[in-house]
């Protein structure tokens, strides 16, 4: 008997919201319904979907910053720190020579 990996409740809510939003876009709902749905989505404040990775032991989805798999409890290897990309500094342009009092 195998059980399915646990799905993050926020991910489930995002999926349901996308489904309802799609259905509302197909119909022409009353403005009150549109406003109520928009207020509900705002109140949930789900934010962006978290970055995920697969557990190396059981392949269950885990958050990228997790230390243990939520399904098999295997310790997850630390992700390599990615250095931020920094644009190279531009070389300053040489200053134009300034004329002196007696050379103009």
PDB file of N, CA and C in Angstrom:
ATOM      1  N   UNK A   1       0.838  -1.175   0.000  1.00  0.00           N
ATOM      2  CA  UNK A   1       0.000   0.000   0.000  1.00  0.00           C
ATOM      3  C   UNK A   1       0.880   1.233   0.000  1.00  0.00           C
ATOM      4  N   UNK A   2       0.719   2.087  -0.991  1.00  0.00           N
ATOM      5  CA  UNK A   2       1.494   3.319  -1.019  1.00  0.00           C
ATOM      6  C   UNK A   2       0.553   4.496  -0.837  1.00  0.00           C
ATOM      7  N   UNK A   3       1.040   5.476  -0.149  1.00  0.00           N
ATOM      8  CA  UNK A   3       0.237   6.669   0.054  1.00  0.00           C
ATOM      9  C   UNK A   3       0.839   7.800  -0.755  1.00  0.00           C
ATOM     10  N   UNK A   4      -0.007   8.691  -1.185  1.00  0.00           N
ATOM     11  CA  UNK A   4       0.454   9.825  -1.984  1.00  0.00           C
ATOM     12  C   UNK A   4       1.176  10.817  -1.096  1.00  0.00           C
ATOM     13  N   UNK A   5       2.165  11.510  -1.635  1.00  0.00           N
ATOM     14  CA  UNK A   5       2.845  12.535  -0.856  1.00  0.00           C
ATOM     15  C   UNK A   5       1.861  13.613  -0.406  1.00  0.00           C
ATOM     16  N   UNK A   6       2.149  14.213   0.700  1.00  0.00           N
ATOM     17  CA  UNK A   6       1.303  15.270   1.242  1.00  0.00           C
ATOM     18  C   UNK A   6       1.450  16.507   0.371  1.00  0.00           C
ATOM     19  N   UNK A   7       0.325  17.083  -0.001  1.00  0.00           N
ATOM     20  CA  UNK A   7       0.332  18.296  -0.820  1.00  0.00           C
ATOM     21  C   UNK A   7       0.206  19.483   0.124  1.00  0.00           C
ATOM     22  N   UNK A   8       1.046  20.468  -0.081  1.00  0.00           N
ATOM     23  CA  UNK A   8       1.013  21.682   0.721  1.00  0.00           C
ATOM     24  C   UNK A   8      -0.378  22.310   0.613  1.00  0.00           C
ATOM     25  N   UNK A   9      -1.013  22.641   1.737  1.00  0.00           N
ATOM     26  CA  UNK A   9      -2.355  23.235   1.679  1.00  0.00           C
ATOM     27  C   UNK A   9      -2.396  24.526   0.865  1.00  0.00           C
ATOM     28  N   UNK A  10      -1.336  25.310   0.914  1.00  0.00           N
ATOM     29  CA  UNK A  10      -1.312  26.544   0.123  1.00  0.00           C
ATOM     30  C   UNK A  10      -1.303  26.244  -1.365  1.00  0.00           C
ATOM     31  N   UNK A  11      -0.612  25.189  -1.754  1.00  0.00           N
ATOM     32  CA  UNK A  11      -0.593  24.787  -3.159  1.00  0.00           C
ATOM     33  C   UNK A  11      -1.989  24.360  -3.586  1.00  0.00           C
ATOM     34  N   UNK A  12      -2.654  23.616  -2.733  1.00  0.00           N
ATOM     35  CA  UNK A  12      -4.033  23.181  -3.026  1.00  0.00           C
ATOM     36  C   UNK A  12      -4.954  24.388  -3.177  1.00  0.00           C
ATOM     37  N   UNK A  13      -4.814  25.377  -2.286  1.00  0.00           N
ATOM     38  CA  UNK A  13      -5.633  26.586  -2.386  1.00  0.00           C
ATOM     39  C   UNK A  13      -5.354  27.353  -3.672  1.00  0.00           C
ATOM     40  N   UNK A  14      -4.080  27.446  -4.043  1.00  0.00           N
ATOM     41  CA  UNK A  14      -3.741  28.146  -5.291  1.00  0.00           C
ATOM     42  C   UNK A  14      -4.393  27.457  -6.486  1.00  0.00           C
ATOM     43  N   UNK A  15      -4.402  26.133  -6.480  1.00  0.00           N
ATOM     44  CA  UNK A  15      -5.015  25.365  -7.566  1.00  0.00           C
ATOM     45  C   UNK A  15      -6.519  25.615  -7.621  1.00  0.00           C
ATOM     46  N   UNK A  16      -7.159  25.591  -6.465  1.00  0.00           N
ATOM     47  CA  UNK A  16      -8.600  25.833  -6.416  1.00  0.00           C
ATOM     48  C   UNK A  16      -8.949  27.262  -6.845  1.00  0.00           C
ATOM     49  N   UNK A  17      -8.163  28.219  -6.399  1.00  0.00           N
ATOM     50  CA  UNK A  17      -8.410  29.618  -6.778  1.00  0.00           C
ATOM     51  C   UNK A  17      -8.259  29.790  -8.286  1.00  0.00           C
ATOM     52  N   UNK A  18      -7.236  29.175  -8.860  1.00  0.00           N
ATOM     53  CA  UNK A  18      -7.039  29.272 -10.314  1.00  0.00           C
ATOM     54  C   UNK A  18      -8.222  28.664 -11.060  1.00  0.00           C
ATOM     55  N   UNK A  19      -8.751  27.557 -10.541  1.00  0.00           N
ATOM     56  CA  UNK A  19      -9.896  26.905 -11.174  1.00  0.00           C
ATOM     57  C   UNK A  19     -11.138  27.791 -11.113  1.00  0.00           C
ATOM     58  N   UNK A  20     -11.418  28.351  -9.944  1.00  0.00           N
ATOM     59  CA  UNK A  20     -12.587  29.228  -9.804  1.00  0.00           C
ATOM     60  C   UNK A  20     -12.404  30.478 -10.655  1.00  0.00           C
ATOM     61  N   UNK A  21     -11.201  31.042 -10.668  1.00  0.00           N
ATOM     62  CA  UNK A  21     -10.931  32.231 -11.467  1.00  0.00           C
ATOM     63  C   UNK A  21     -11.169  31.948 -12.943  1.00  0.00           C
ATOM     64  N   UNK A  22     -10.739  30.761 -13.398  1.00  0.00           N
ATOM     65  CA  UNK A  22     -10.958  30.381 -14.791  1.00  0.00           C
ATOM     66  C   UNK A  22     -12.455  30.302 -15.100  1.00  0.00           C
ATOM     67  N   UNK A  23     -13.213  29.682 -14.218  1.00  0.00           N
ATOM     68  CA  UNK A  23     -14.663  29.557 -14.428  1.00  0.00           C
ATOM     69  C   UNK A  23     -15.341  30.922 -14.406  1.00  0.00           C
ATOM     70  N   UNK A  24     -14.899  31.812 -13.520  1.00  0.00           N
ATOM     71  CA  UNK A  24     -15.488  33.156 -13.468  1.00  0.00           C
ATOM     72  C   UNK A  24     -15.169  33.928 -14.741  1.00  0.00           C
ATOM     73  N   UNK A  25     -14.001  33.703 -15.319  1.00  0.00           N
ATOM     74  CA  UNK A  25     -13.632  34.398 -16.550  1.00  0.00           C
ATOM     75  C   UNK A  25     -14.487  33.922 -17.727  1.00  0.00           C
ATOM     76  N   UNK A  26     -14.929  32.658 -17.692  1.00  0.00           N
ATOM     77  CA  UNK A  26     -15.752  32.115 -18.775  1.00  0.00           C
ATOM     78  C   UNK A  26     -17.175  32.650 -18.726  1.00  0.00           C
ATOM     79  N   UNK A  27     -17.679  32.879 -17.520  1.00  0.00           N
ATOM     80  CA  UNK A  27     -19.039  33.398 -17.342  1.00  0.00           C
ATOM     81  C   UNK A  27     -18.949  34.911 -17.152  1.00  0.00           C
ATOM     82  N   UNK A  28     -20.084  35.529 -17.115  1.00  0.00           N
ATOM     83  CA  UNK A  28     -20.122  36.965 -16.825  1.00  0.00           C
ATOM     84  C   UNK A  28     -20.775  37.125 -15.456  1.00  0.00           C
ATOM     85  N   UNK A  29     -19.991  36.922 -14.368  1.00  0.00           N
ATOM     86  CA  UNK A  29     -20.588  36.982 -13.036  1.00  0.00           C
ATOM     87  C   UNK A  29     -20.953  38.405 -12.636  1.00  0.00           C
ATOM     88  N   UNK A  30     -21.836  38.486 -11.684  1.00  0.00           N
ATOM     89  CA  UNK A  30     -22.241  39.782 -11.156  1.00  0.00           C
ATOM     90  C   UNK A  30     -21.026  40.455 -10.512  1.00  0.00           C
ATOM     91  N   UNK A  31     -20.979  41.771 -10.577  1.00  0.00           N
ATOM     92  CA  UNK A  31     -19.855  42.483  -9.961  1.00  0.00           C
ATOM     93  C   UNK A  31     -19.691  42.158  -8.469  1.00  0.00           C
ATOM     94  N   UNK A  32     -20.789  41.886  -7.782  1.00  0.00           N
ATOM     95  CA  UNK A  32     -20.702  41.554  -6.355  1.00  0.00           C
ATOM     96  C   UNK A  32     -19.932  40.243  -6.161  1.00  0.00           C
ATOM     97  N   UNK A  33     -20.156  39.274  -7.039  1.00  0.00           N
ATOM     98  CA  UNK A  33     -19.449  38.002  -6.948  1.00  0.00           C
ATOM     99  C   UNK A  33     -17.965  38.200  -7.263  1.00  0.00           C
ATOM    100  N   UNK A  34     -17.670  38.970  -8.287  1.00  0.00           N
ATOM    101  CA  UNK A  34     -16.277  39.254  -8.624  1.00  0.00           C
ATOM    102  C   UNK A  34     -15.566  39.945  -7.465  1.00  0.00           C
ATOM    103  N   UNK A  35     -16.241  40.909  -6.846  1.00  0.00           N
ATOM    104  CA  UNK A  35     -15.656  41.633  -5.721  1.00  0.00           C
ATOM    105  C   UNK A  35     -15.434  40.735  -4.520  1.00  0.00           C
ATOM    106  N   UNK A  36     -16.399  39.857  -4.248  1.00  0.00           N
ATOM    107  CA  UNK A  36     -16.270  38.941  -3.113  1.00  0.00           C
ATOM    108  C   UNK A  36     -15.124  37.961  -3.337  1.00  0.00           C
ATOM    109  N   UNK A  37     -14.984  37.463  -4.566  1.00  0.00           N
ATOM    110  CA  UNK A  37     -13.898  36.535  -4.859  1.00  0.00           C
ATOM    111  C   UNK A  37     -12.547  37.240  -4.745  1.00  0.00           C
ATOM    112  N   UNK A  38     -12.448  38.452  -5.262  1.00  0.00           N
ATOM    113  CA  UNK A  38     -11.200  39.216  -5.172  1.00  0.00           C
ATOM    114  C   UNK A  38     -10.841  39.479  -3.716  1.00  0.00           C
ATOM    115  N   UNK A  39     -11.840  39.786  -2.878  1.00  0.00           N
ATOM    116  CA  UNK A  39     -11.583  40.025  -1.451  1.00  0.00           C
ATOM    117  C   UNK A  39     -11.117  38.745  -0.766  1.00  0.00           C
ATOM    118  N   UNK A  40     -11.693  37.620  -1.149  1.00  0.00           N
ATOM    119  CA  UNK A  40     -11.277  36.330  -0.577  1.00  0.00           C
ATOM    120  C   UNK A  40      -9.834  36.018  -0.935  1.00  0.00           C
ATOM    121  N   UNK A  41      -9.476  36.196  -2.196  1.00  0.00           N
ATOM    122  CA  UNK A  41      -8.104  35.922  -2.639  1.00  0.00           C
ATOM    123  C   UNK A  41      -7.128  36.841  -1.909  1.00  0.00           C
ATOM    124  N   UNK A  42      -7.491  38.104  -1.753  1.00  0.00           N
ATOM    125  CA  UNK A  42      -6.628  39.049  -1.041  1.00  0.00           C
ATOM    126  C   UNK A  42      -6.486  38.669   0.432  1.00  0.00           C
ATOM    127  N   UNK A  43      -7.565  38.237   1.056  1.00  0.00           N
ATOM    128  CA  UNK A  43      -7.520  37.856   2.472  1.00  0.00           C
ATOM    129  C   UNK A  43      -6.668  36.612   2.694  1.00  0.00           C
ATOM    130  N   UNK A  44      -6.654  35.706   1.729  1.00  0.00           N
ATOM    131  CA  UNK A  44      -5.838  34.501   1.866  1.00  0.00           C
ATOM    132  C   UNK A  44      -4.349  34.824   1.806  1.00  0.00           C
ATOM    133  N   UNK A  45      -3.974  35.842   1.060  1.00  0.00           N
ATOM    134  CA  UNK A  45      -2.589  36.307   0.953  1.00  0.00           C
ATOM    135  C   UNK A  45      -1.618  35.138   0.799  1.00  0.00           C
ATOM    136  N   UNK A  46      -1.827  34.330  -0.220  1.00  0.00           N
ATOM    137  CA  UNK A  46      -1.001  33.142  -0.413  1.00  0.00           C
ATOM    138  C   UNK A  46       0.409  33.450  -0.883  1.00  0.00           C
ATOM    139  N   UNK A  47       0.600  34.524  -1.593  1.00  0.00           N
ATOM    140  CA  UNK A  47       1.933  34.837  -2.088  1.00  0.00           C
ATOM    141  C   UNK A  47       2.329  33.896  -3.208  1.00  0.00           C
ATOM    142  N   UNK A  48       3.576  33.981  -3.633  1.00  0.00           N
ATOM    143  CA  UNK A  48       4.026  33.130  -4.740  1.00  0.00           C
ATOM    144  C   UNK A  48       4.212  31.678  -4.300  1.00  0.00           C
ATOM    145  N   UNK A  49       4.152  30.796  -5.250  1.00  0.00           N
ATOM    146  CA  UNK A  49       4.377  29.366  -4.998  1.00  0.00           C
ATOM    147  C   UNK A  49       5.825  29.172  -4.545  1.00  0.00           C
ATOM    148  N   UNK A  50       6.061  28.395  -3.479  1.00  0.00           N
ATOM    149  CA  UNK A  50       7.446  28.192  -3.027  1.00  0.00           C
ATOM    150  C   UNK A  50       8.230  27.327  -4.008  1.00  0.00           C
ATOM    151  N   UNK A  51       9.548  27.504  -4.009  1.00  0.00           N
ATOM    152  CA  UNK A  51      10.399  26.673  -4.850  1.00  0.00           C
ATOM    153  C   UNK A  51      10.403  25.262  -4.282  1.00  0.00           C
ATOM    154  N   UNK A  52      10.371  24.276  -5.162  1.00  0.00           N
ATOM    155  CA  UNK A  52      10.297  22.881  -4.740  1.00  0.00           C
ATOM    156  C   UNK A  52      11.477  22.098  -5.309  1.00  0.00           C
ATOM    157  N   UNK A  53      11.720  20.931  -4.710  1.00  0.00           N
ATOM    158  CA  UNK A  53      12.699  19.967  -5.218  1.00  0.00           C
ATOM    159  C   UNK A  53      12.210  18.582  -4.836  1.00  0.00           C
ATOM    160  N   UNK A  54      12.762  17.570  -5.458  1.00  0.00           N
ATOM    161  CA  UNK A  54      12.371  16.192  -5.167  1.00  0.00           C
ATOM    162  C   UNK A  54      13.298  15.611  -4.107  1.00  0.00           C
ATOM    163  N   UNK A  55      12.740  14.812  -3.206  1.00  0.00           N
ATOM    164  CA  UNK A  55      13.540  14.098  -2.216  1.00  0.00           C
ATOM    165  C   UNK A  55      14.399  13.082  -2.961  1.00  0.00           C
ATOM    166  N   UNK A  56      15.701  13.016  -2.671  1.00  0.00           N
ATOM    167  CA  UNK A  56      16.548  12.051  -3.381  1.00  0.00           C
ATOM    168  C   UNK A  56      16.224  10.600  -3.027  1.00  0.00           C
ATOM    169  N   UNK A  57      15.578  10.356  -1.884  1.00  0.00           N
ATOM    170  CA  UNK A  57      15.276   8.989  -1.469  1.00  0.00           C
ATOM    171  C   UNK A  57      13.952   8.485  -2.040  1.00  0.00           C
ATOM    172  N   UNK A  58      12.889   9.302  -1.909  1.00  0.00           N
ATOM    173  CA  UNK A  58      11.555   8.808  -2.304  1.00  0.00           C
ATOM    174  C   UNK A  58      10.932   9.597  -3.454  1.00  0.00           C
ATOM    175  N   UNK A  59      11.590  10.651  -3.908  1.00  0.00           N
ATOM    176  CA  UNK A  59      11.127  11.493  -5.010  1.00  0.00           C
ATOM    177  C   UNK A  59       9.884  12.313  -4.690  1.00  0.00           C
ATOM    178  N   UNK A  60       9.477  12.376  -3.413  1.00  0.00           N
ATOM    179  CA  UNK A  60       8.333  13.207  -3.029  1.00  0.00           C
ATOM    180  C   UNK A  60       8.719  14.672  -3.165  1.00  0.00           C
ATOM    181  N   UNK A  61       7.762  15.528  -3.504  1.00  0.00           N
ATOM    182  CA  UNK A  61       8.084  16.955  -3.599  1.00  0.00           C
ATOM    183  C   UNK A  61       8.329  17.539  -2.209  1.00  0.00           C
ATOM    184  N   UNK A  62       9.384  18.335  -2.106  1.00  0.00           N
ATOM    185  CA  UNK A  62       9.749  19.005  -0.855  1.00  0.00           C
ATOM    186  C   UNK A  62      10.048  20.463  -1.176  1.00  0.00           C
ATOM    187  N   UNK A  63       9.864  21.320  -0.209  1.00  0.00           N
ATOM    188  CA  UNK A  63      10.264  22.707  -0.414  1.00  0.00           C
ATOM    189  C   UNK A  63      11.770  22.763  -0.584  1.00  0.00           C
ATOM    190  N   UNK A  64      12.220  23.688  -1.380  1.00  0.00           N
ATOM    191  CA  UNK A  64      13.645  23.777  -1.684  1.00  0.00           C
ATOM    192  C   UNK A  64      14.487  24.020  -0.438  1.00  0.00           C
ATOM    193  N   UNK A  65      13.947  24.732   0.546  1.00  0.00           N
ATOM    194  CA  UNK A  65      14.718  25.045   1.745  1.00  0.00           C
ATOM    195  C   UNK A  65      14.486  24.044   2.877  1.00  0.00           C
ATOM    196  N   UNK A  66      13.781  22.942   2.610  1.00  0.00           N
ATOM    197  CA  UNK A  66      13.507  21.945   3.652  1.00  0.00           C
ATOM    198  C   UNK A  66      14.783  21.216   4.053  1.00  0.00           C
ATOM    199  N   UNK A  67      14.838  20.806   5.318  1.00  0.00           N
ATOM    200  CA  UNK A  67      15.984  20.045   5.806  1.00  0.00           C
ATOM    201  C   UNK A  67      15.679  18.553   5.850  1.00  0.00           C
ATOM    202  N   UNK A  68      14.393  18.203   5.930  1.00  0.00           N
ATOM    203  CA  UNK A  68      13.963  16.801   5.918  1.00  0.00           C
ATOM    204  C   UNK A  68      12.781  16.651   4.977  1.00  0.00           C
ATOM    205  N   UNK A  69      12.664  15.470   4.406  1.00  0.00           N
ATOM    206  CA  UNK A  69      11.524  15.165   3.545  1.00  0.00           C
ATOM    207  C   UNK A  69      10.292  15.018   4.430  1.00  0.00           C
ATOM    208  N   UNK A  70       9.203  15.617   4.041  1.00  0.00           N
ATOM    209  CA  UNK A  70       7.974  15.516   4.802  1.00  0.00           C
ATOM    210  C   UNK A  70       7.272  14.179   4.631  1.00  0.00           C
ATOM    211  N   UNK A  71       7.730  13.364   3.694  1.00  0.00           N
ATOM    212  CA  UNK A  71       7.095  12.075   3.433  1.00  0.00           C
ATOM    213  C   UNK A  71       7.866  10.929   4.082  1.00  0.00           C
ATOM    214  N   UNK A  72       9.185  10.854   3.833  1.00  0.00           N
ATOM    215  CA  UNK A  72       9.977   9.733   4.361  1.00  0.00           C
ATOM    216  C   UNK A  72      10.923  10.150   5.492  1.00  0.00           C
ATOM    217  N   UNK A  73      10.987  11.441   5.788  1.00  0.00           N
ATOM    218  CA  UNK A  73      11.821  12.004   6.854  1.00  0.00           C
ATOM    219  C   UNK A  73      13.315  11.855   6.611  1.00  0.00           C
ATOM    220  N   UNK A  74      13.698  11.568   5.392  1.00  0.00           N
ATOM    221  CA  UNK A  74      15.115  11.507   5.030  1.00  0.00           C
ATOM    222  C   UNK A  74      15.715  12.898   5.163  1.00  0.00           C
ATOM    223  N   UNK A  75      16.926  12.992   5.722  1.00  0.00           N
ATOM    224  CA  UNK A  75      17.623  14.273   5.784  1.00  0.00           C
ATOM    225  C   UNK A  75      17.989  14.666   4.356  1.00  0.00           C
ATOM    226  N   UNK A  76      17.633  15.877   3.978  1.00  0.00           N
ATOM    227  CA  UNK A  76      17.893  16.352   2.622  1.00  0.00           C
ATOM    228  C   UNK A  76      19.245  17.054   2.572  1.00  0.00           C
ATOM    229  N   UNK A  77      19.987  16.840   1.506  1.00  0.00           N
ATOM    230  CA  UNK A  77      21.266  17.541   1.390  1.00  0.00           C
ATOM    231  C   UNK A  77      21.027  19.036   1.244  1.00  0.00           C
ATOM    232  N   UNK A  78      21.937  19.814   1.791  1.00  0.00           N
ATOM    233  CA  UNK A  78      21.830  21.268   1.677  1.00  0.00           C
ATOM    234  C   UNK A  78      22.026  21.669   0.228  1.00  0.00           C
ATOM    235  N   UNK A  79      21.277  22.643  -0.190  1.00  0.00           N
ATOM    236  CA  UNK A  79      21.431  23.154  -1.544  1.00  0.00           C
ATOM    237  C   UNK A  79      22.664  24.041  -1.592  1.00  0.00           C
ATOM    238  N   UNK A  80      23.344  24.005  -2.693  1.00  0.00           N
ATOM    239  CA  UNK A  80      24.519  24.858  -2.858  1.00  0.00           C
ATOM    240  C   UNK A  80      24.062  26.307  -2.870  1.00  0.00           C
ATOM    241  N   UNK A  81      24.762  27.111  -2.130  1.00  0.00           N
ATOM    242  CA  UNK A  81      24.423  28.535  -2.108  1.00  0.00           C
ATOM    243  C   UNK A  81      24.793  29.135  -3.455  1.00  0.00           C
ATOM    244  N   UNK A  82      23.883  29.858  -3.995  1.00  0.00           N
ATOM    245  CA  UNK A  82      24.116  30.489  -5.288  1.00  0.00           C
ATOM    246  C   UNK A  82      24.514  31.930  -5.021  1.00  0.00           C
ATOM    247  N   UNK A  83      25.663  32.301  -5.507  1.00  0.00           N
ATOM    248  CA  UNK A  83      26.122  33.676  -5.330  1.00  0.00           C
ATOM    249  C   UNK A  83      25.258  34.594  -6.177  1.00  0.00           C
ATOM    250  N   UNK A  84      24.876  35.725  -5.642  1.00  0.00           N
ATOM    251  CA  UNK A  84      24.065  36.649  -6.440  1.00  0.00           C
ATOM    252  C   UNK A  84      24.858  37.157  -7.632  1.00  0.00           C
ATOM    253  N   UNK A  85      24.169  37.343  -8.716  1.00  0.00           N
ATOM    254  CA  UNK A  85      24.816  37.842  -9.923  1.00  0.00           C
ATOM    255  C   UNK A  85      24.985  39.343  -9.765  1.00  0.00           C
ATOM    256  N   UNK A  86      26.219  39.789  -9.851  1.00  0.00           N
ATOM    257  CA  UNK A  86      26.523  41.208  -9.714  1.00  0.00           C
ATOM    258  C   UNK A  86      27.128  41.687 -11.014  1.00  0.00           C
ATOM    259  N   UNK A  87      26.582  42.754 -11.527  1.00  0.00           N
ATOM    260  CA  UNK A  87      27.111  43.310 -12.772  1.00  0.00           C
ATOM    261  C   UNK A  87      28.487  43.891 -12.496  1.00  0.00           C
ATOM    262  N   UNK A  88      29.404  43.695 -13.425  1.00  0.00           N
ATOM    263  CA  UNK A  88      30.739  44.272 -13.212  1.00  0.00           C
ATOM    264  C   UNK A  88      30.646  45.790 -13.157  1.00  0.00           C
ATOM    265  N   UNK A  89      31.476  46.356 -12.334  1.00  0.00           N
ATOM    266  CA  UNK A  89      31.495  47.812 -12.223  1.00  0.00           C
ATOM    267  C   UNK A  89      32.080  48.414 -13.483  1.00  0.00           C
ATOM    268  N   UNK A  90      31.482  49.477 -13.923  1.00  0.00           N
ATOM    269  CA  UNK A  90      31.995  50.162 -15.108  1.00  0.00           C
ATOM    270  C   UNK A  90      33.239  50.932 -14.720  1.00  0.00           C
ATOM    271  N   UNK A  91      34.215  50.917 -15.602  1.00  0.00           N
ATOM    272  CA  UNK A  91      35.439  51.682 -15.343  1.00  0.00           C
ATOM    273  C   UNK A  91      35.111  53.158 -15.490  1.00  0.00           C
ATOM    274  N   UNK A  92      35.572  53.954 -14.550  1.00  0.00           N
ATOM    275  CA  UNK A  92      35.289  55.392 -14.683  1.00  0.00           C
ATOM    276  C   UNK A  92      36.044  55.960 -15.880  1.00  0.00           C
ATOM    277  N   UNK A  93      35.404  56.860 -16.547  1.00  0.00           N
ATOM    278  CA  UNK A  93      36.037  57.503 -17.694  1.00  0.00           C
ATOM    279  C   UNK A  93      37.108  58.459 -17.186  1.00  0.00           C
ATOM    280  N   UNK A  94      38.223  58.529 -17.889  1.00  0.00           N
ATOM    281  CA  UNK A  94      39.256  59.473 -17.438  1.00  0.00           C
ATOM    282  C   UNK A  94      38.723  60.897 -17.499  1.00  0.00           C
ATOM    283  N   UNK A  95      39.114  61.659 -16.527  1.00  0.00           N
ATOM    284  CA  UNK A  95      38.663  63.046 -16.473  1.00  0.00           C
ATOM    285  C   UNK A  95      39.312  63.835 -17.590  1.00  0.00           C
ATOM    286  N   UNK A  96      38.555  64.714 -18.172  1.00  0.00           N
ATOM    287  CA  UNK A  96      39.099  65.572 -19.227  1.00  0.00           C
ATOM    288  C   UNK A  96      40.092  66.521 -18.601  1.00  0.00           C
ATOM    289  N   UNK A  97      41.203  66.783 -19.281  1.00  0.00           N
ATOM    290  CA  UNK A  97      42.184  67.722 -18.716  1.00  0.00           C
ATOM    291  C   UNK A  97      41.565  69.109 -18.581  1.00  0.00           C
ATOM    292  N   UNK A  98      41.843  69.716 -17.493  1.00  0.00           N
ATOM    293  CA  UNK A  98      41.318  71.056 -17.274  1.00  0.00           C
ATOM    294  C   UNK A  98      42.362  72.074 -17.697  1.00  0.00           C
ATOM    295  N   UNK A  99      41.941  73.067 -18.428  1.00  0.00           N
ATOM    296  CA  UNK A  99      42.930  74.070 -18.875  1.00  0.00           C
ATOM    297  C   UNK A  99      43.421  74.882 -17.678  1.00  0.00           C
ATOM    298  N   UNK A 100      44.681  75.184 -17.699  1.00  0.00           N
ATOM    299  CA  UNK A 100      45.246  76.003 -16.644  1.00  0.00           C
ATOM    300  C   UNK A 100      45.207  77.479 -17.077  1.00  0.00           C
ATOM    301  N   UNK A 101      45.419  78.357 -16.169  1.00  0.00           N
ATOM    302  CA  UNK A 101      45.269  79.800 -16.421  1.00  0.00           C
ATOM    303  C   UNK A 101      46.190  80.301 -17.532  1.00  0.00           C
ATOM    304  N   UNK A 102      47.380  79.802 -17.632  1.00  0.00           N
ATOM    305  CA  UNK A 102      48.316  80.366 -18.582  1.00  0.00           C
ATOM    306  C   UNK A 102      48.398  79.610 -19.901  1.00  0.00           C
ATOM    307  N   UNK A 103      47.626  78.505 -20.111  1.00  0.00           N
ATOM    308  CA  UNK A 103      47.769  77.718 -21.323  1.00  0.00           C
ATOM    309  C   UNK A 103      46.645  77.891 -22.306  1.00  0.00           C
ATOM    310  N   UNK A 104      45.671  78.706 -22.080  1.00  0.00           N
ATOM    311  CA  UNK A 104      44.540  78.833 -22.989  1.00  0.00           C
ATOM    312  C   UNK A 104      44.754  79.764 -24.081  1.00  0.00           C
TER     313      UNK A 104
END
